[in-house]
Amino acid sequence: MNKIKYISYLLLCQSIYCSTLIIPQRSIILASGTGFQSTTLGDNSSANGYQATAIGYNSKANGSYAVSLGVNASALYNGSISIGTDSKTTNNYSLALGTSAQTSGPNSIAIGYNSYYI
């Protein structure tokens, strides 16, 4: 598929419902987001919150305006951001940045490998 057709297809998928698209040898998968104006990219990823974004294998963005980037990254509450493999936010307006970084308190920040904020 040439580049212009591919970009056109991606734009079309963003404006209407698309389930799963697999392009051989490139491992690009677009998954459907159930949240209004949500965006997902990656196998088994889900964006269930309003304007949520999930990018990466098994990435989850469940809160409104939540963002998760990375394999198994989870931004589970409103306004939370989770970036890194296995990173996780479990309260509103929190940031987890780094592999296995986790936050559990509201308005909290965890930065770095295996960091944790309660």
PDB file of N, CA and C in Angstrom:
ATOM      1  N   MET A   1       0.857  -1.164   0.000  1.00  0.00           N
ATOM      2  CA  MET A   1       0.000   0.000   0.000  1.00  0.00           C
ATOM      3  C   MET A   1       0.906   1.230   0.000  1.00  0.00           C
ATOM      4  N   ASN A   2       0.684   2.125  -0.926  1.00  0.00           N
ATOM      5  CA  ASN A   2       1.570   3.288  -0.953  1.00  0.00           C
ATOM      6  C   ASN A   2       1.241   4.247   0.183  1.00  0.00           C
ATOM      7  N   LYS A   3       2.159   5.154   0.454  1.00  0.00           N
ATOM      8  CA  LYS A   3       2.072   6.024   1.629  1.00  0.00           C
ATOM      9  C   LYS A   3       0.818   6.901   1.631  1.00  0.00           C
ATOM     10  N   ILE A   4       0.447   7.475   0.496  1.00  0.00           N
ATOM     11  CA  ILE A   4      -0.717   8.362   0.440  1.00  0.00           C
ATOM     12  C   ILE A   4      -1.999   7.582   0.723  1.00  0.00           C
ATOM     13  N   LYS A   5      -2.144   6.406   0.136  1.00  0.00           N
ATOM     14  CA  LYS A   5      -3.332   5.597   0.400  1.00  0.00           C
ATOM     15  C   LYS A   5      -3.378   5.179   1.860  1.00  0.00           C
ATOM     16  N   TYR A   6      -2.234   4.827   2.426  1.00  0.00           N
ATOM     17  CA  TYR A   6      -2.163   4.406   3.826  1.00  0.00           C
ATOM     18  C   TYR A   6      -2.586   5.544   4.751  1.00  0.00           C
ATOM     19  N   ILE A   7      -2.071   6.750   4.535  1.00  0.00           N
ATOM     20  CA  ILE A   7      -2.437   7.902   5.360  1.00  0.00           C
ATOM     21  C   ILE A   7      -3.920   8.213   5.196  1.00  0.00           C
ATOM     22  N   SER A   8      -4.424   8.136   3.981  1.00  0.00           N
ATOM     23  CA  SER A   8      -5.846   8.375   3.750  1.00  0.00           C
ATOM     24  C   SER A   8      -6.693   7.372   4.514  1.00  0.00           C
ATOM     25  N   TYR A   9      -6.271   6.112   4.539  1.00  0.00           N
ATOM     26  CA  TYR A   9      -7.015   5.098   5.264  1.00  0.00           C
ATOM     27  C   TYR A   9      -6.990   5.376   6.761  1.00  0.00           C
ATOM     28  N   LEU A  10      -5.857   5.796   7.301  1.00  0.00           N
ATOM     29  CA  LEU A  10      -5.775   6.125   8.720  1.00  0.00           C
ATOM     30  C   LEU A  10      -6.703   7.287   9.066  1.00  0.00           C
ATOM     31  N   LEU A  11      -6.748   8.306   8.218  1.00  0.00           N
ATOM     32  CA  LEU A  11      -7.641   9.433   8.461  1.00  0.00           C
ATOM     33  C   LEU A  11      -9.100   9.002   8.391  1.00  0.00           C
ATOM     34  N   LEU A  12      -9.420   8.124   7.464  1.00  0.00           N
ATOM     35  CA  LEU A  12     -10.774   7.603   7.356  1.00  0.00           C
ATOM     36  C   LEU A  12     -11.136   6.828   8.618  1.00  0.00           C
ATOM     37  N   CYS A  13     -10.214   6.018   9.125  1.00  0.00           N
ATOM     38  CA  CYS A  13     -10.466   5.252  10.345  1.00  0.00           C
ATOM     39  C   CYS A  13     -10.695   6.170  11.535  1.00  0.00           C
ATOM     40  N   GLN A  14     -10.054   7.310  11.558  1.00  0.00           N
ATOM     41  CA  GLN A  14     -10.223   8.223  12.675  1.00  0.00           C
ATOM     42  C   GLN A  14     -11.608   8.873  12.654  1.00  0.00           C
ATOM     43  N   SER A  15     -12.172   9.058  11.467  1.00  0.00           N
ATOM     44  CA  SER A  15     -13.452   9.738  11.399  1.00  0.00           C
ATOM     45  C   SER A  15     -14.655   8.798  11.434  1.00  0.00           C
ATOM     46  N   ILE A  16     -14.455   7.512  11.177  1.00  0.00           N
ATOM     47  CA  ILE A  16     -15.541   6.543  11.301  1.00  0.00           C
ATOM     48  C   ILE A  16     -15.053   5.361  12.120  1.00  0.00           C
ATOM     49  N   TYR A  17     -15.962   4.475  12.485  1.00  0.00           N
ATOM     50  CA  TYR A  17     -15.595   3.314  13.289  1.00  0.00           C
ATOM     51  C   TYR A  17     -14.749   2.346  12.473  1.00  0.00           C
ATOM     52  N   CYS A  18     -13.629   1.932  13.026  1.00  0.00           N
ATOM     53  CA  CYS A  18     -12.809   0.875  12.442  1.00  0.00           C
ATOM     54  C   CYS A  18     -12.527  -0.133  13.535  1.00  0.00           C
ATOM     55  N   SER A  19     -12.636  -1.388  13.243  1.00  0.00           N
ATOM     56  CA  SER A  19     -12.270  -2.362  14.257  1.00  0.00           C
ATOM     57  C   SER A  19     -10.777  -2.595  14.175  1.00  0.00           C
ATOM     58  N   THR A  20     -10.331  -3.709  13.676  1.00  0.00           N
ATOM     59  CA  THR A  20      -8.904  -3.991  13.676  1.00  0.00           C
ATOM     60  C   THR A  20      -8.367  -4.026  12.255  1.00  0.00           C
ATOM     61  N   LEU A  21      -7.241  -3.379  12.037  1.00  0.00           N
ATOM     62  CA  LEU A  21      -6.555  -3.359  10.754  1.00  0.00           C
ATOM     63  C   LEU A  21      -5.151  -3.882  10.982  1.00  0.00           C
ATOM     64  N   ILE A  22      -4.766  -4.885  10.225  1.00  0.00           N
ATOM     65  CA  ILE A  22      -3.410  -5.411  10.342  1.00  0.00           C
ATOM     66  C   ILE A  22      -2.744  -5.286   8.984  1.00  0.00           C
ATOM     67  N   ILE A  23      -1.583  -4.654   8.956  1.00  0.00           N
ATOM     68  CA  ILE A  23      -0.823  -4.516   7.725  1.00  0.00           C
ATOM     69  C   ILE A  23       0.346  -5.484   7.814  1.00  0.00           C
ATOM     70  N   PRO A  24       0.386  -6.507   6.966  1.00  0.00           N
ATOM     71  CA  PRO A  24       1.426  -7.528   7.055  1.00  0.00           C
ATOM     72  C   PRO A  24       2.833  -6.935   7.053  1.00  0.00           C
ATOM     73  N   GLN A  25       3.705  -7.541   7.808  1.00  0.00           N
ATOM     74  CA  GLN A  25       5.124  -7.219   7.927  1.00  0.00           C
ATOM     75  C   GLN A  25       5.399  -5.879   8.589  1.00  0.00           C
ATOM     76  N   ARG A  26       4.406  -5.118   8.928  1.00  0.00           N
ATOM     77  CA  ARG A  26       4.634  -3.829   9.573  1.00  0.00           C
ATOM     78  C   ARG A  26       4.098  -3.824  11.004  1.00  0.00           C
ATOM     79  N   SER A  27       3.314  -4.801  11.372  1.00  0.00           N
ATOM     80  CA  SER A  27       2.760  -4.960  12.716  1.00  0.00           C
ATOM     81  C   SER A  27       2.048  -3.718  13.227  1.00  0.00           C
ATOM     82  N   ILE A  28       1.351  -3.023  12.377  1.00  0.00           N
ATOM     83  CA  ILE A  28       0.566  -1.861  12.793  1.00  0.00           C
ATOM     84  C   ILE A  28      -0.873  -2.317  12.968  1.00  0.00           C
ATOM     85  N   ILE A  29      -1.421  -2.057  14.133  1.00  0.00           N
ATOM     86  CA  ILE A  29      -2.784  -2.474  14.409  1.00  0.00           C
ATOM     87  C   ILE A  29      -3.554  -1.289  14.964  1.00  0.00           C
ATOM     88  N   LEU A  30      -4.673  -0.998  14.365  1.00  0.00           N
ATOM     89  CA  LEU A  30      -5.572   0.028  14.888  1.00  0.00           C
ATOM     90  C   LEU A  30      -6.712  -0.695  15.577  1.00  0.00           C
ATOM     91  N   ALA A  31      -6.963  -0.373  16.822  1.00  0.00           N
ATOM     92  CA  ALA A  31      -8.058  -0.996  17.556  1.00  0.00           C
ATOM     93  C   ALA A  31      -9.152   0.036  17.774  1.00  0.00           C
ATOM     94  N   SER A  32     -10.332  -0.420  18.061  1.00  0.00           N
ATOM     95  CA  SER A  32     -11.433   0.515  18.254  1.00  0.00           C
ATOM     96  C   SER A  32     -11.438   1.056  19.674  1.00  0.00           C
ATOM     97  N   GLY A  33     -11.670   2.347  19.794  1.00  0.00           N
ATOM     98  CA  GLY A  33     -11.821   2.963  21.105  1.00  0.00           C
ATOM     99  C   GLY A  33     -13.300   3.128  21.382  1.00  0.00           C
ATOM    100  N   THR A  34     -13.716   2.858  22.608  1.00  0.00           N
ATOM    101  CA  THR A  34     -15.133   2.979  22.925  1.00  0.00           C
ATOM    102  C   THR A  34     -15.476   4.337  23.516  1.00  0.00           C
ATOM    103  N   GLY A  35     -14.487   5.082  23.966  1.00  0.00           N
ATOM    104  CA  GLY A  35     -14.740   6.419  24.497  1.00  0.00           C
ATOM    105  C   GLY A  35     -14.971   7.413  23.369  1.00  0.00           C
ATOM    106  N   PHE A  36     -15.807   8.417  23.626  1.00  0.00           N
ATOM    107  CA  PHE A  36     -16.101   9.431  22.624  1.00  0.00           C
ATOM    108  C   PHE A  36     -14.823  10.184  22.268  1.00  0.00           C
ATOM    109  N   GLN A  37     -14.520  10.301  20.986  1.00  0.00           N
ATOM    110  CA  GLN A  37     -13.332  10.979  20.460  1.00  0.00           C
ATOM    111  C   GLN A  37     -12.040  10.382  21.016  1.00  0.00           C
ATOM    112  N   SER A  38     -12.032   9.081  21.248  1.00  0.00           N
ATOM    113  CA  SER A  38     -10.841   8.415  21.771  1.00  0.00           C
ATOM    114  C   SER A  38      -9.974   7.888  20.637  1.00  0.00           C
ATOM    115  N   THR A  39      -8.708   7.591  20.957  1.00  0.00           N
ATOM    116  CA  THR A  39      -7.751   7.106  19.969  1.00  0.00           C
ATOM    117  C   THR A  39      -7.010   5.906  20.536  1.00  0.00           C
ATOM    118  N   THR A  40      -6.931   4.835  19.758  1.00  0.00           N
ATOM    119  CA  THR A  40      -6.151   3.672  20.170  1.00  0.00           C
ATOM    120  C   THR A  40      -5.250   3.228  19.039  1.00  0.00           C
ATOM    121  N   LEU A  41      -4.085   2.745  19.397  1.00  0.00           N
ATOM    122  CA  LEU A  41      -3.153   2.200  18.419  1.00  0.00           C
ATOM    123  C   LEU A  41      -2.364   1.107  19.110  1.00  0.00           C
ATOM    124  N   GLY A  42      -2.569  -0.132  18.696  1.00  0.00           N
ATOM    125  CA  GLY A  42      -1.845  -1.252  19.275  1.00  0.00           C
ATOM    126  C   GLY A  42      -2.761  -2.421  19.558  1.00  0.00           C
ATOM    127  N   ASP A  43      -2.236  -3.615  19.414  1.00  0.00           N
ATOM    128  CA  ASP A  43      -2.998  -4.825  19.656  1.00  0.00           C
ATOM    129  C   ASP A  43      -3.480  -4.870  21.102  1.00  0.00           C
ATOM    130  N   ASN A  44      -4.747  -5.140  21.284  1.00  0.00           N
ATOM    131  CA  ASN A  44      -5.383  -5.257  22.599  1.00  0.00           C
ATOM    132  C   ASN A  44      -5.384  -3.953  23.394  1.00  0.00           C
ATOM    133  N   SER A  45      -5.144  -2.837  22.742  1.00  0.00           N
ATOM    134  CA  SER A  45      -5.201  -1.543  23.438  1.00  0.00           C
ATOM    135  C   SER A  45      -6.653  -1.077  23.501  1.00  0.00           C
ATOM    136  N   SER A  46      -6.966  -0.243  24.503  1.00  0.00           N
ATOM    137  CA  SER A  46      -8.330   0.274  24.615  1.00  0.00           C
ATOM    138  C   SER A  46      -8.312   1.682  25.191  1.00  0.00           C
ATOM    139  N   ALA A  47      -9.175   2.517  24.656  1.00  0.00           N
ATOM    140  CA  ALA A  47      -9.360   3.880  25.151  1.00  0.00           C
ATOM    141  C   ALA A  47     -10.849   4.042  25.412  1.00  0.00           C
ATOM    142  N   ASN A  48     -11.246   3.885  26.658  1.00  0.00           N
ATOM    143  CA  ASN A  48     -12.660   3.895  27.021  1.00  0.00           C
ATOM    144  C   ASN A  48     -13.138   5.238  27.552  1.00  0.00           C
ATOM    145  N   GLY A  49     -12.225   6.124  27.879  1.00  0.00           N
ATOM    146  CA  GLY A  49     -12.597   7.430  28.411  1.00  0.00           C
ATOM    147  C   GLY A  49     -12.825   8.458  27.315  1.00  0.00           C
ATOM    148  N   TYR A  50     -13.511   9.547  27.680  1.00  0.00           N
ATOM    149  CA  TYR A  50     -13.763  10.654  26.764  1.00  0.00           C
ATOM    150  C   TYR A  50     -12.429  11.278  26.351  1.00  0.00           C
ATOM    151  N   GLN A  51     -12.172  11.363  25.064  1.00  0.00           N
ATOM    152  CA  GLN A  51     -10.945  11.910  24.482  1.00  0.00           C
ATOM    153  C   GLN A  51      -9.689  11.250  25.053  1.00  0.00           C
ATOM    154  N   ALA A  52      -9.771   9.978  25.356  1.00  0.00           N
ATOM    155  CA  ALA A  52      -8.633   9.222  25.880  1.00  0.00           C
ATOM    156  C   ALA A  52      -7.764   8.715  24.737  1.00  0.00           C
ATOM    157  N   THR A  53      -6.473   8.473  25.034  1.00  0.00           N
ATOM    158  CA  THR A  53      -5.528   7.976  24.039  1.00  0.00           C
ATOM    159  C   THR A  53      -4.734   6.817  24.624  1.00  0.00           C
ATOM    160  N   ALA A  54      -4.723   5.692  23.916  1.00  0.00           N
ATOM    161  CA  ALA A  54      -3.945   4.523  24.324  1.00  0.00           C
ATOM    162  C   ALA A  54      -3.090   4.075  23.149  1.00  0.00           C
ATOM    163  N   ILE A  55      -1.774   4.049  23.342  1.00  0.00           N
ATOM    164  CA  ILE A  55      -0.858   3.644  22.282  1.00  0.00           C
ATOM    165  C   ILE A  55       0.101   2.605  22.844  1.00  0.00           C
ATOM    166  N   GLY A  56       0.114   1.425  22.231  1.00  0.00           N
ATOM    167  CA  GLY A  56       1.004   0.353  22.647  1.00  0.00           C
ATOM    168  C   GLY A  56       0.239  -0.918  22.939  1.00  0.00           C
ATOM    169  N   TYR A  57       0.914  -2.044  22.850  1.00  0.00           N
ATOM    170  CA  TYR A  57       0.285  -3.333  23.103  1.00  0.00           C
ATOM    171  C   TYR A  57      -0.317  -3.365  24.506  1.00  0.00           C
ATOM    172  N   ASN A  58      -1.578  -3.732  24.593  1.00  0.00           N
ATOM    173  CA  ASN A  58      -2.301  -3.878  25.858  1.00  0.00           C
ATOM    174  C   ASN A  58      -2.357  -2.589  26.679  1.00  0.00           C
ATOM    175  N   SER A  59      -2.244  -1.460  26.033  1.00  0.00           N
ATOM    176  CA  SER A  59      -2.308  -0.155  26.700  1.00  0.00           C
ATOM    177  C   SER A  59      -3.763   0.200  26.984  1.00  0.00           C
ATOM    178  N   LYS A  60      -4.039   0.760  28.173  1.00  0.00           N
ATOM    179  CA  LYS A  60      -5.404   1.094  28.583  1.00  0.00           C
ATOM    180  C   LYS A  60      -5.495   2.553  29.015  1.00  0.00           C
ATOM    181  N   ALA A  61      -6.469   3.264  28.489  1.00  0.00           N
ATOM    182  CA  ALA A  61      -6.762   4.641  28.914  1.00  0.00           C
ATOM    183  C   ALA A  61      -8.253   4.699  29.219  1.00  0.00           C
ATOM    184  N   ASN A  62      -8.609   4.540  30.475  1.00  0.00           N
ATOM    185  CA  ASN A  62     -10.019   4.430  30.853  1.00  0.00           C
ATOM    186  C   ASN A  62     -10.643   5.733  31.326  1.00  0.00           C
ATOM    187  N   GLY A  63      -9.855   6.658  31.840  1.00  0.00           N
ATOM    188  CA  GLY A  63     -10.397   7.916  32.334  1.00  0.00           C
ATOM    189  C   GLY A  63     -10.577   8.938  31.222  1.00  0.00           C
ATOM    190  N   SER A  64     -11.414   9.932  31.477  1.00  0.00           N
ATOM    191  CA  SER A  64     -11.557  11.039  30.527  1.00  0.00           C
ATOM    192  C   SER A  64     -10.232  11.781  30.420  1.00  0.00           C
ATOM    193  N   TYR A  65      -9.821  12.094  29.218  1.00  0.00           N
ATOM    194  CA  TYR A  65      -8.567  12.798  28.911  1.00  0.00           C
ATOM    195  C   TYR A  65      -7.329  12.015  29.353  1.00  0.00           C
ATOM    196  N   ALA A  66      -7.453  10.736  29.617  1.00  0.00           N
ATOM    197  CA  ALA A  66      -6.317   9.911  30.041  1.00  0.00           C
ATOM    198  C   ALA A  66      -5.440   9.565  28.845  1.00  0.00           C
ATOM    199  N   VAL A  67      -4.130   9.407  29.105  1.00  0.00           N
ATOM    200  CA  VAL A  67      -3.169   9.049  28.066  1.00  0.00           C
ATOM    201  C   VAL A  67      -2.298   7.914  28.583  1.00  0.00           C
ATOM    202  N   SER A  68      -2.198   6.841  27.809  1.00  0.00           N
ATOM    203  CA  SER A  68      -1.278   5.761  28.151  1.00  0.00           C
ATOM    204  C   SER A  68      -0.433   5.430  26.929  1.00  0.00           C
ATOM    205  N   LEU A  69       0.877   5.382  27.131  1.00  0.00           N
ATOM    206  CA  LEU A  69       1.822   5.099  26.055  1.00  0.00           C
ATOM    207  C   LEU A  69       2.791   4.025  26.526  1.00  0.00           C
ATOM    208  N   GLY A  70       2.802   2.887  25.854  1.00  0.00           N
ATOM    209  CA  GLY A  70       3.744   1.831  26.187  1.00  0.00           C
ATOM    210  C   GLY A  70       3.059   0.491  26.379  1.00  0.00           C
ATOM    211  N   VAL A  71       3.848  -0.560  26.345  1.00  0.00           N
ATOM    212  CA  VAL A  71       3.338  -1.910  26.541  1.00  0.00           C
ATOM    213  C   VAL A  71       2.782  -2.040  27.956  1.00  0.00           C
ATOM    214  N   ASN A  72       1.538  -2.474  28.075  1.00  0.00           N
ATOM    215  CA  ASN A  72       0.844  -2.657  29.360  1.00  0.00           C
ATOM    216  C   ASN A  72       0.705  -1.375  30.173  1.00  0.00           C
ATOM    217  N   ALA A  73       0.826  -0.222  29.562  1.00  0.00           N
ATOM    218  CA  ALA A  73       0.637   1.047  30.284  1.00  0.00           C
ATOM    219  C   ALA A  73      -0.848   1.230  30.584  1.00  0.00           C
ATOM    220  N   SER A  74      -1.158   1.754  31.774  1.00  0.00           N
ATOM    221  CA  SER A  74      -2.555   1.938  32.183  1.00  0.00           C
ATOM    222  C   SER A  74      -2.765   3.307  32.803  1.00  0.00           C
ATOM    223  N   ALA A  75      -3.611   4.108  32.190  1.00  0.00           N
ATOM    224  CA  ALA A  75      -4.056   5.388  32.753  1.00  0.00           C
ATOM    225  C   ALA A  75      -5.540   5.203  33.049  1.00  0.00           C
ATOM    226  N   LEU A  76      -5.858   4.913  34.298  1.00  0.00           N
ATOM    227  CA  LEU A  76      -7.190   4.418  34.628  1.00  0.00           C
ATOM    228  C   LEU A  76      -8.181   5.474  35.080  1.00  0.00           C
ATOM    229  N   TYR A  77      -7.718   6.687  35.377  1.00  0.00           N
ATOM    230  CA  TYR A  77      -8.619   7.711  35.904  1.00  0.00           C
ATOM    231  C   TYR A  77      -8.509   9.010  35.111  1.00  0.00           C
ATOM    232  N   ASN A  78      -9.392   9.944  35.399  1.00  0.00           N
ATOM    233  CA  ASN A  78      -9.484  11.199  34.652  1.00  0.00           C
ATOM    234  C   ASN A  78      -8.186  11.995  34.702  1.00  0.00           C
ATOM    235  N   GLY A  79      -7.768  12.474  33.540  1.00  0.00           N
ATOM    236  CA  GLY A  79      -6.608  13.341  33.444  1.00  0.00           C
ATOM    237  C   GLY A  79      -5.293  12.690  33.801  1.00  0.00           C
ATOM    238  N   SER A  80      -5.246  11.382  33.873  1.00  0.00           N
ATOM    239  CA  SER A  80      -4.003  10.707  34.247  1.00  0.00           C
ATOM    240  C   SER A  80      -3.167  10.378  33.015  1.00  0.00           C
ATOM    241  N   ILE A  81      -1.844  10.317  33.215  1.00  0.00           N
ATOM    242  CA  ILE A  81      -0.900  10.038  32.132  1.00  0.00           C
ATOM    243  C   ILE A  81       0.048   8.946  32.595  1.00  0.00           C
ATOM    244  N   SER A  82       0.165   7.908  31.784  1.00  0.00           N
ATOM    245  CA  SER A  82       1.030   6.778  32.097  1.00  0.00           C
ATOM    246  C   SER A  82       1.922   6.506  30.891  1.00  0.00           C
ATOM    247  N   ILE A  83       3.234   6.691  31.066  1.00  0.00           N
ATOM    248  CA  ILE A  83       4.173   6.517  29.960  1.00  0.00           C
ATOM    249  C   ILE A  83       5.270   5.554  30.389  1.00  0.00           C
ATOM    250  N   GLY A  84       5.390   4.438  29.681  1.00  0.00           N
ATOM    251  CA  GLY A  84       6.427   3.453  29.959  1.00  0.00           C
ATOM    252  C   GLY A  84       5.846   2.057  30.098  1.00  0.00           C
ATOM    253  N   THR A  85       6.655   1.059  29.833  1.00  0.00           N
ATOM    254  CA  THR A  85       6.229  -0.328  29.962  1.00  0.00           C
ATOM    255  C   THR A  85       5.770  -0.612  31.388  1.00  0.00           C
ATOM    256  N   ASP A  86       4.587  -1.187  31.524  1.00  0.00           N
ATOM    257  CA  ASP A  86       3.993  -1.561  32.816  1.00  0.00           C
ATOM    258  C   ASP A  86       3.767  -0.378  33.757  1.00  0.00           C
ATOM    259  N   SER A  87       3.744   0.840  33.254  1.00  0.00           N
ATOM    260  CA  SER A  87       3.449   2.002  34.108  1.00  0.00           C
ATOM    261  C   SER A  87       1.946   2.055  34.373  1.00  0.00           C
ATOM    262  N   LYS A  88       1.567   2.665  35.512  1.00  0.00           N
ATOM    263  CA  LYS A  88       0.155   2.638  35.900  1.00  0.00           C
ATOM    264  C   LYS A  88      -0.205   3.817  36.792  1.00  0.00           C
ATOM    265  N   THR A  89      -1.326   4.461  36.485  1.00  0.00           N
ATOM    266  CA  THR A  89      -1.901   5.486  37.359  1.00  0.00           C
ATOM    267  C   THR A  89      -3.258   4.981  37.825  1.00  0.00           C
ATOM    268  N   THR A  90      -3.522   5.090  39.123  1.00  0.00           N
ATOM    269  CA  THR A  90      -4.785   4.577  39.658  1.00  0.00           C
ATOM    270  C   THR A  90      -5.544   5.633  40.451  1.00  0.00           C
ATOM    271  N   ASN A  91      -5.367   6.899  40.061  1.00  0.00           N
ATOM    272  CA  ASN A  91      -6.157   7.970  40.652  1.00  0.00           C
ATOM    273  C   ASN A  91      -6.159   9.163  39.695  1.00  0.00           C
ATOM    274  N   ASN A  92      -7.015  10.130  39.951  1.00  0.00           N
ATOM    275  CA  ASN A  92      -7.187  11.276  39.057  1.00  0.00           C
ATOM    276  C   ASN A  92      -5.955  12.175  39.002  1.00  0.00           C
ATOM    277  N   TYR A  93      -5.707  12.724  37.821  1.00  0.00           N
ATOM    278  CA  TYR A  93      -4.703  13.769  37.570  1.00  0.00           C
ATOM    279  C   TYR A  93      -3.309  13.377  38.062  1.00  0.00           C
ATOM    280  N   SER A  94      -2.909  12.156  37.748  1.00  0.00           N
ATOM    281  CA  SER A  94      -1.610  11.637  38.168  1.00  0.00           C
ATOM    282  C   SER A  94      -0.739  11.347  36.964  1.00  0.00           C
ATOM    283  N   LEU A  95       0.585  11.286  37.204  1.00  0.00           N
ATOM    284  CA  LEU A  95       1.563  11.005  36.155  1.00  0.00           C
ATOM    285  C   LEU A  95       2.496   9.898  36.613  1.00  0.00           C
ATOM    286  N   ALA A  96       2.597   8.845  35.808  1.00  0.00           N
ATOM    287  CA  ALA A  96       3.575   7.779  36.024  1.00  0.00           C
ATOM    288  C   ALA A  96       4.462   7.744  34.792  1.00  0.00           C
ATOM    289  N   LEU A  97       5.745   8.004  34.978  1.00  0.00           N
ATOM    290  CA  LEU A  97       6.680   8.099  33.857  1.00  0.00           C
ATOM    291  C   LEU A  97       7.870   7.189  34.113  1.00  0.00           C
ATOM    292  N   GLY A  98       7.982   6.128  33.329  1.00  0.00           N
ATOM    293  CA  GLY A  98       9.089   5.194  33.458  1.00  0.00           C
ATOM    294  C   GLY A  98       8.597   3.761  33.548  1.00  0.00           C
ATOM    295  N   THR A  99       9.472   2.821  33.254  1.00  0.00           N
ATOM    296  CA  THR A  99       9.119   1.408  33.334  1.00  0.00           C
ATOM    297  C   THR A  99       8.687   1.048  34.748  1.00  0.00           C
ATOM    298  N   SER A 100       7.519   0.460  34.872  1.00  0.00           N
ATOM    299  CA  SER A 100       6.928   0.012  36.142  1.00  0.00           C
ATOM    300  C   SER A 100       6.664   1.136  37.141  1.00  0.00           C
ATOM    301  N   ALA A 101       6.643   2.388  36.710  1.00  0.00           N
ATOM    302  CA  ALA A 101       6.294   3.508  37.600  1.00  0.00           C
ATOM    303  C   ALA A 101       4.804   3.432  37.913  1.00  0.00           C
ATOM    304  N   GLN A 102       4.426   3.739  39.172  1.00  0.00           N
ATOM    305  CA  GLN A 102       3.027   3.667  39.577  1.00  0.00           C
ATOM    306  C   GLN A 102       2.661   4.798  40.518  1.00  0.00           C
ATOM    307  N   THR A 103       1.438   5.282  40.371  1.00  0.00           N
ATOM    308  CA  THR A 103       0.884   6.252  41.319  1.00  0.00           C
ATOM    309  C   THR A 103      -0.457   5.726  41.805  1.00  0.00           C
ATOM    310  N   SER A 104      -0.778   6.004  43.071  1.00  0.00           N
ATOM    311  CA  SER A 104      -2.092   5.596  43.573  1.00  0.00           C
ATOM    312  C   SER A 104      -2.852   6.757  44.209  1.00  0.00           C
ATOM    313  N   GLY A 105      -2.177   7.842  44.535  1.00  0.00           N
ATOM    314  CA  GLY A 105      -2.849   8.998  45.119  1.00  0.00           C
ATOM    315  C   GLY A 105      -3.273   9.990  44.054  1.00  0.00           C
ATOM    316  N   PRO A 106      -4.267  10.832  44.356  1.00  0.00           N
ATOM    317  CA  PRO A 106      -4.669  11.861  43.395  1.00  0.00           C
ATOM    318  C   PRO A 106      -3.585  12.930  43.268  1.00  0.00           C
ATOM    319  N   ASN A 107      -3.471  13.528  42.111  1.00  0.00           N
ATOM    320  CA  ASN A 107      -2.514  14.617  41.859  1.00  0.00           C
ATOM    321  C   ASN A 107      -1.082  14.217  42.191  1.00  0.00           C
ATOM    322  N   SER A 108      -0.716  12.984  41.921  1.00  0.00           N
ATOM    323  CA  SER A 108       0.612  12.488  42.280  1.00  0.00           C
ATOM    324  C   SER A 108       1.483  12.250  41.056  1.00  0.00           C
ATOM    325  N   ILE A 109       2.804  12.187  41.290  1.00  0.00           N
ATOM    326  CA  ILE A 109       3.778  11.993  40.218  1.00  0.00           C
ATOM    327  C   ILE A 109       4.789  10.936  40.652  1.00  0.00           C
ATOM    328  N   ALA A 110       5.057   9.981  39.756  1.00  0.00           N
ATOM    329  CA  ALA A 110       6.121   8.997  39.959  1.00  0.00           C
ATOM    330  C   ALA A 110       6.976   8.996  38.703  1.00  0.00           C
ATOM    331  N   ILE A 111       8.270   9.285  38.853  1.00  0.00           N
ATOM    332  CA  ILE A 111       9.171   9.354  37.701  1.00  0.00           C
ATOM    333  C   ILE A 111      10.356   8.436  37.947  1.00  0.00           C
ATOM    334  N   GLY A 112      10.622   7.560  36.987  1.00  0.00           N
ATOM    335  CA  GLY A 112      11.783   6.686  37.056  1.00  0.00           C
ATOM    336  C   GLY A 112      11.401   5.225  37.150  1.00  0.00           C
ATOM    337  N   TYR A 113      12.372   4.379  36.885  1.00  0.00           N
ATOM    338  CA  TYR A 113      12.170   2.935  36.900  1.00  0.00           C
ATOM    339  C   TYR A 113      11.657   2.465  38.262  1.00  0.00           C
ATOM    340  N   ASN A 114      10.551   1.739  38.248  1.00  0.00           N
ATOM    341  CA  ASN A 114       9.973   1.111  39.434  1.00  0.00           C
ATOM    342  C   ASN A 114       9.635   2.098  40.554  1.00  0.00           C
ATOM    343  N   SER A 115       9.446   3.369  40.221  1.00  0.00           N
ATOM    344  CA  SER A 115       9.084   4.369  41.236  1.00  0.00           C
ATOM    345  C   SER A 115       7.611   4.218  41.596  1.00  0.00           C
ATOM    346  N   TYR A 116       7.275   4.631  42.815  1.00  0.00           N
ATOM    347  CA  TYR A 116       5.910   4.458  43.309  1.00  0.00           C
ATOM    348  C   TYR A 116       5.540   5.626  44.203  1.00  0.00           C
ATOM    349  N   TYR A 117       4.322   6.145  44.011  1.00  0.00           N
ATOM    350  CA  TYR A 117       3.833   7.224  44.862  1.00  0.00           C
ATOM    351  C   TYR A 117       2.461   6.847  45.392  1.00  0.00           C
ATOM    352  N   ILE A 118       2.273   6.937  46.692  1.00  0.00           N
ATOM    353  CA  ILE A 118       0.992   6.579  47.318  1.00  0.00           C
ATOM    354  C   ILE A 118       0.167   7.837  47.518  1.00  0.00           C
TER     355      ILE A 118
END
